[in-house]
Amino acid sequence: MQRVRLLALNSVNMRMDEPHLRQRMRQRGISMRQMLEVIAEGEAIDGPRLDQWGDWRIKLARKVAGRRVQVVVVVSEKYFVPITVI
């Protein structure tokens, strides 16, 4: 969790190249601002855990703009990738 917070201090450390993320944000009506607030201020509710691809995943959650938003991120040594929103 601390690793995500540290990496999130600089936007260069966040990769936003997952098409699945954008699709889910549109489908679920979650804005970029909501997602970023969850990453910056949310609580870890699952993980970190090693997935089947050898990546560390963590699920963050926070109430933002009146609704509970969850973001799953993959964390590496030098960057992190939000992969879906719930």
C-alpha atoms as a PDB file:
ATOM      1  CA  MET A   1       0.000   0.000   0.000  1.00  0.00           C
ATOM      2  CA  GLN A   2       2.780   2.414   0.870  1.00  0.00           C
ATOM      3  CA  ARG A   3       4.441   1.617  -2.449  1.00  0.00           C
ATOM      4  CA  VAL A   4       1.328   2.706  -4.383  1.00  0.00           C
ATOM      5  CA  ARG A   5       1.080   5.938  -2.377  1.00  0.00           C
ATOM      6  CA  LEU A   6       4.746   6.702  -2.988  1.00  0.00           C
ATOM      7  CA  LEU A   7       4.482   5.995  -6.708  1.00  0.00           C
ATOM      8  CA  ALA A   8       1.240   7.994  -6.973  1.00  0.00           C
ATOM      9  CA  LEU A   9       3.026  11.181  -5.863  1.00  0.00           C
ATOM     10  CA  ASN A  10       4.369  11.533  -9.396  1.00  0.00           C
ATOM     11  CA  SER A  11       2.068  10.899 -12.367  1.00  0.00           C
ATOM     12  CA  VAL A  12       5.041   9.670 -14.417  1.00  0.00           C
ATOM     13  CA  ASN A  13       4.883   6.495 -12.312  1.00  0.00           C
ATOM     14  CA  MET A  14       1.334   5.637 -13.387  1.00  0.00           C
ATOM     15  CA  ARG A  15       0.736   3.817 -16.674  1.00  0.00           C
ATOM     16  CA  MET A  16      -2.711   4.333 -18.190  1.00  0.00           C
ATOM     17  CA  ASP A  17      -2.482   2.036 -21.216  1.00  0.00           C
ATOM     18  CA  GLU A  18      -5.090  -0.561 -20.224  1.00  0.00           C
ATOM     19  CA  PRO A  19      -8.074  -0.382 -22.644  1.00  0.00           C
ATOM     20  CA  HIS A  20     -10.096  -2.446 -20.160  1.00  0.00           C
ATOM     21  CA  LEU A  21      -9.764   0.362 -17.586  1.00  0.00           C
ATOM     22  CA  ARG A  22     -11.216   3.025 -19.888  1.00  0.00           C
ATOM     23  CA  GLN A  23     -14.032   0.705 -20.939  1.00  0.00           C
ATOM     24  CA  ARG A  24     -15.007  -0.056 -17.329  1.00  0.00           C
ATOM     25  CA  MET A  25     -14.821   3.618 -16.355  1.00  0.00           C
ATOM     26  CA  ARG A  26     -17.308   4.486 -19.119  1.00  0.00           C
ATOM     27  CA  GLN A  27     -19.593   1.531 -18.341  1.00  0.00           C
ATOM     28  CA  ARG A  28     -19.680   2.288 -14.630  1.00  0.00           C
ATOM     29  CA  GLY A  29     -19.785   6.083 -14.839  1.00  0.00           C
ATOM     30  CA  ILE A  30     -16.559   6.580 -12.894  1.00  0.00           C
ATOM     31  CA  SER A  31     -14.513   9.669 -13.713  1.00  0.00           C
ATOM     32  CA  MET A  32     -10.743   9.945 -13.879  1.00  0.00           C
ATOM     33  CA  ARG A  33     -10.863  12.244 -10.859  1.00  0.00           C
ATOM     34  CA  GLN A  34     -12.775   9.660  -8.810  1.00  0.00           C
ATOM     35  CA  MET A  35     -10.309   6.942  -9.760  1.00  0.00           C
ATOM     36  CA  LEU A  36      -7.309   9.111  -8.895  1.00  0.00           C
ATOM     37  CA  GLU A  37      -8.785  10.014  -5.508  1.00  0.00           C
ATOM     38  CA  VAL A  38      -9.247   6.338  -4.683  1.00  0.00           C
ATOM     39  CA  ILE A  39      -5.603   5.692  -5.597  1.00  0.00           C
ATOM     40  CA  ALA A  40      -4.369   8.643  -3.533  1.00  0.00           C
ATOM     41  CA  GLU A  41      -6.648   8.302  -0.490  1.00  0.00           C
ATOM     42  CA  GLY A  42      -8.303   4.873  -0.592  1.00  0.00           C
ATOM     43  CA  GLU A  43      -7.845   1.933   1.742  1.00  0.00           C
ATOM     44  CA  ALA A  44      -6.494  -1.438   0.706  1.00  0.00           C
ATOM     45  CA  ILE A  45      -9.342  -3.957   0.911  1.00  0.00           C
ATOM     46  CA  ASP A  46      -7.651  -6.884  -0.854  1.00  0.00           C
ATOM     47  CA  GLY A  47      -4.017  -7.758  -1.339  1.00  0.00           C
ATOM     48  CA  PRO A  48      -1.369  -7.208  -2.125  1.00  0.00           C
ATOM     49  CA  ARG A  49      -1.353 -10.625  -3.699  1.00  0.00           C
ATOM     50  CA  LEU A  50       0.652 -12.262  -6.443  1.00  0.00           C
ATOM     51  CA  ASP A  51      -1.517 -13.009  -9.488  1.00  0.00           C
ATOM     52  CA  GLN A  52      -1.147 -15.752 -12.102  1.00  0.00           C
ATOM     53  CA  TRP A  53       1.044 -13.499 -14.291  1.00  0.00           C
ATOM     54  CA  GLY A  54       3.554 -12.826 -11.513  1.00  0.00           C
ATOM     55  CA  ASP A  55       2.297  -9.291 -10.811  1.00  0.00           C
ATOM     56  CA  TRP A  56       1.390  -7.842  -7.425  1.00  0.00           C
ATOM     57  CA  ARG A  57      -2.221  -6.620  -7.294  1.00  0.00           C
ATOM     58  CA  ILE A  58      -4.019  -4.578  -4.713  1.00  0.00           C
ATOM     59  CA  LYS A  59      -7.650  -3.457  -4.551  1.00  0.00           C
ATOM     60  CA  LEU A  60      -8.288   0.013  -3.129  1.00  0.00           C
ATOM     61  CA  ALA A  61     -11.644   1.455  -2.094  1.00  0.00           C
ATOM     62  CA  ARG A  62     -13.020   4.822  -1.016  1.00  0.00           C
ATOM     63  CA  LYS A  63     -16.305   6.662  -1.007  1.00  0.00           C
ATOM     64  CA  VAL A  64     -16.029   9.371  -3.657  1.00  0.00           C
ATOM     65  CA  ALA A  65     -18.775  11.764  -4.789  1.00  0.00           C
ATOM     66  CA  GLY A  66     -21.361   9.848  -2.792  1.00  0.00           C
ATOM     67  CA  ARG A  67     -20.517   6.374  -4.067  1.00  0.00           C
ATOM     68  CA  ARG A  68     -18.099   3.615  -3.152  1.00  0.00           C
ATOM     69  CA  VAL A  69     -15.453   3.220  -5.840  1.00  0.00           C
ATOM     70  CA  GLN A  70     -12.886   0.424  -6.027  1.00  0.00           C
ATOM     71  CA  VAL A  71      -9.739   0.403  -8.149  1.00  0.00           C
ATOM     72  CA  VAL A  72      -7.500  -2.592  -8.804  1.00  0.00           C
ATOM     73  CA  VAL A  73      -3.865  -1.721  -9.491  1.00  0.00           C
ATOM     74  CA  VAL A  74      -0.840  -3.768 -10.514  1.00  0.00           C
ATOM     75  CA  VAL A  75       2.305  -2.621  -8.735  1.00  0.00           C
ATOM     76  CA  SER A  76       5.884  -3.026  -9.936  1.00  0.00           C
ATOM     77  CA  GLU A  77       9.160  -1.623  -8.653  1.00  0.00           C
ATOM     78  CA  LYS A  78       9.050   1.587 -10.717  1.00  0.00           C
ATOM     79  CA  TYR A  79       5.411   2.113 -11.706  1.00  0.00           C
ATOM     80  CA  PHE A  80       1.843   1.014 -11.150  1.00  0.00           C
ATOM     81  CA  VAL A  81      -1.043   0.365 -13.525  1.00  0.00           C
ATOM     82  CA  PRO A  82      -4.739   0.813 -12.674  1.00  0.00           C
ATOM     83  CA  ILE A  83      -6.372  -2.115 -14.464  1.00  0.00           C
ATOM     84  CA  THR A  84     -10.054  -1.868 -13.578  1.00  0.00           C
ATOM     85  CA  VAL A  85     -12.624   0.079 -11.581  1.00  0.00           C
ATOM     86  CA  ILE A  86     -15.602  -1.335  -9.734  1.00  0.00           C
END
